[in-house]
Amino acid sequence: MRQRPSSRLLVVNAQGRLLLFRFVHRTGALAGSIFWAPPGGGLDAGESFEQAACRELLEETGLHIADPGPQVARRIVTFTMPDGIAVEADERYFLIHVATLKVSSALWTAEERAVVAEHAWWSQADLARATEQVWPEDMAGMLVDAGVWSSSR
């Protein structure tokens, strides 16, 4: 199984809402799958997790940062990529606070343009009542552990 180190961004706005993208796969190995996930992706050759976090945030949202800050969560997970290749992903999560953010798709790849259907800012309550798959499944716990959301909800 191919190893895939990756960085993911938990982008939270001033209202405590989390940025998620809705992926709709119409073709390929993931045809028919629909899910929500935070921005992020695999490391380029020679890149650190922190460098990848900054690059991915810029590419997927248009926001430029010089340092993502400390890692707030990590998970190891296996899944199938859109091209059908199975990977074991070592995902590192970074918390990014923004006052506001108008998401830009200017730097999206052709594949991202084909599968990203929309984005939305989710509250803790929104996430708790999600009817579509959200990855990672323990994202609310990550935000509780990071001190962003309350454990009492």
Protein backbone atom coordinates (compact mmCIF):
# COMPACT_ATOMS: atom_id res chain seq x y z
CA MET A 1 0.00 0.00 0.00
CA ARG A 2 1.34 3.41 -0.92
CA GLN A 3 2.14 5.81 1.92
CA ARG A 4 0.60 9.29 1.64
CA PRO A 5 1.74 11.88 4.17
CA SER A 6 -0.70 14.79 4.09
CA SER A 7 -1.61 18.04 5.79
CA ARG A 8 -5.15 19.13 6.53
CA LEU A 9 -6.43 22.50 7.69
CA LEU A 10 -9.15 23.07 10.25
CA VAL A 11 -10.06 26.61 9.19
CA VAL A 12 -12.32 28.29 11.74
CA ASN A 13 -13.87 31.74 11.32
CA ALA A 14 -14.69 34.37 13.95
CA GLN A 15 -18.10 32.76 14.56
CA GLY A 16 -16.46 29.42 15.40
CA ARG A 17 -17.57 27.82 12.15
CA LEU A 18 -15.44 25.26 10.30
CA LEU A 19 -14.73 25.41 6.57
CA LEU A 20 -15.60 22.20 4.71
CA PHE A 21 -15.70 21.33 1.03
CA ARG A 22 -18.32 19.05 -0.51
CA PHE A 23 -16.81 16.50 -2.87
CA VAL A 24 -19.04 14.85 -5.48
CA HIS A 25 -17.30 12.14 -7.52
CA ARG A 26 -19.12 11.46 -10.77
CA THR A 27 -16.48 9.29 -12.48
CA GLY A 28 -13.53 7.07 -11.67
CA ALA A 29 -12.91 4.77 -8.72
CA LEU A 30 -14.96 6.97 -6.36
CA ALA A 31 -17.93 7.47 -8.71
CA GLY A 32 -21.08 8.01 -6.70
CA SER A 33 -19.35 8.99 -3.47
CA ILE A 34 -20.24 12.29 -1.84
CA PHE A 35 -18.56 13.63 1.28
CA TRP A 36 -17.47 16.78 3.10
CA ALA A 37 -13.85 17.35 4.15
CA PRO A 38 -11.54 20.15 5.23
CA PRO A 39 -8.95 21.59 2.84
CA GLY A 40 -5.65 19.79 2.54
CA GLY A 41 -3.73 17.20 0.61
CA GLY A 42 -0.57 15.22 0.11
CA LEU A 43 2.95 16.47 0.64
CA ASP A 44 5.10 17.26 -2.39
CA ALA A 45 8.59 15.71 -2.52
CA GLY A 46 10.85 17.26 0.11
CA GLU A 47 8.04 19.21 1.74
CA SER A 48 7.41 19.28 5.49
CA PHE A 49 3.90 18.90 6.90
CA GLU A 50 3.97 22.61 7.79
CA GLN A 51 5.06 23.65 4.28
CA ALA A 52 2.36 21.47 2.74
CA ALA A 53 -0.25 23.00 5.06
CA CYS A 54 0.66 26.51 3.88
CA ARG A 55 0.69 25.47 0.20
CA GLU A 56 -2.58 23.54 0.41
CA LEU A 57 -4.31 26.42 2.20
CA LEU A 58 -3.22 28.82 -0.53
CA GLU A 59 -4.16 26.46 -3.37
CA GLU A 60 -7.55 25.49 -1.98
CA THR A 61 -8.74 28.72 -0.36
CA GLY A 62 -6.56 31.54 -1.66
CA LEU A 63 -5.31 32.35 1.86
CA HIS A 64 -1.54 32.84 2.19
CA ILE A 65 0.08 32.11 5.53
CA ALA A 66 3.77 31.75 6.43
CA ASP A 67 3.31 29.30 9.32
CA PRO A 68 0.35 27.03 10.17
CA GLY A 69 1.26 26.87 13.84
CA PRO A 70 1.44 23.64 15.81
CA GLN A 71 -0.19 20.41 14.74
CA VAL A 72 -3.44 19.90 16.70
CA ALA A 73 -4.36 16.36 15.62
CA ARG A 74 -3.12 13.37 13.68
CA ARG A 75 -4.69 10.28 12.22
CA ILE A 76 -3.54 7.30 10.19
CA VAL A 77 -6.22 6.09 7.79
CA THR A 78 -6.46 3.93 4.68
CA PHE A 79 -8.63 4.89 1.74
CA THR A 80 -8.88 4.76 -2.04
CA MET A 81 -7.76 7.75 -4.08
CA PRO A 82 -9.85 8.97 -7.04
CA ASP A 83 -7.45 7.14 -9.40
CA GLY A 84 -8.20 3.83 -7.63
CA ILE A 85 -4.91 3.54 -5.73
CA ALA A 86 -5.19 2.46 -2.10
CA VAL A 87 -3.14 4.58 0.30
CA GLU A 88 -2.29 4.70 3.96
CA ALA A 89 -2.47 8.39 4.83
CA ASP A 90 -0.59 9.96 7.71
CA GLU A 91 -2.74 13.07 8.13
CA ARG A 92 -1.55 15.97 10.26
CA TYR A 93 -4.12 18.63 11.18
CA PHE A 94 -3.40 22.33 11.69
CA LEU A 95 -5.84 24.85 13.19
CA ILE A 96 -6.15 28.13 11.28
CA HIS A 97 -8.21 31.00 12.71
CA VAL A 98 -9.55 33.59 10.26
CA ALA A 99 -11.73 36.63 10.85
CA THR A 100 -13.37 36.17 7.47
CA LEU A 101 -12.38 34.30 4.33
CA LYS A 102 -13.76 34.48 0.83
CA VAL A 103 -12.70 31.14 -0.63
CA SER A 104 -10.93 31.45 -3.99
CA SER A 105 -10.83 28.60 -6.49
CA ALA A 106 -8.27 30.39 -8.70
CA LEU A 107 -5.50 27.86 -7.91
CA TRP A 108 -7.62 24.71 -8.00
CA THR A 109 -6.49 21.81 -10.18
CA ALA A 110 -8.73 20.47 -12.94
CA GLU A 111 -9.54 17.50 -10.69
CA GLU A 112 -10.57 19.79 -7.83
CA ARG A 113 -12.78 21.80 -10.17
CA ALA A 114 -14.43 18.55 -11.31
CA VAL A 115 -15.19 17.19 -7.82
CA VAL A 116 -15.58 20.14 -5.42
CA ALA A 117 -19.26 21.04 -5.64
CA GLU A 118 -19.41 23.69 -2.92
CA HIS A 119 -18.02 24.85 0.38
CA ALA A 120 -19.74 25.87 3.59
CA TRP A 121 -18.99 27.08 7.10
CA TRP A 122 -20.23 24.52 9.63
CA SER A 123 -21.12 25.09 13.27
CA GLN A 124 -20.66 22.37 15.86
CA ALA A 125 -24.43 21.76 15.72
CA ASP A 126 -24.33 21.53 11.91
CA LEU A 127 -21.65 18.86 12.11
CA ALA A 128 -23.60 16.91 14.74
CA ARG A 129 -26.65 16.69 12.47
CA ALA A 130 -24.86 16.08 9.15
CA THR A 131 -26.74 13.78 6.80
CA GLU A 132 -23.85 13.25 4.35
CA GLN A 133 -20.50 11.66 5.16
CA VAL A 134 -17.95 13.98 6.77
CA TRP A 135 -14.25 13.07 6.90
CA PRO A 136 -12.62 12.70 9.29
CA GLU A 137 -15.38 11.25 11.40
CA ASP A 138 -13.81 12.58 14.61
CA MET A 139 -13.38 16.18 13.44
CA ALA A 140 -15.66 17.58 16.17
CA GLY A 141 -13.48 15.84 18.76
CA MET A 142 -10.38 17.37 17.19
CA LEU A 143 -11.91 20.84 17.57
CA VAL A 144 -13.02 20.13 21.14
CA ASP A 145 -9.50 18.92 22.01
CA ALA A 146 -8.04 22.07 20.36
CA GLY A 147 -10.28 24.25 22.54
CA VAL A 148 -12.35 25.61 19.67
CA TRP A 149 -15.63 23.86 20.40
CA SER A 150 -17.27 22.90 23.68
CA SER A 151 -17.49 19.29 24.83
CA SER A 152 -20.90 19.99 26.39
CA ARG A 153 -22.76 20.17 23.08
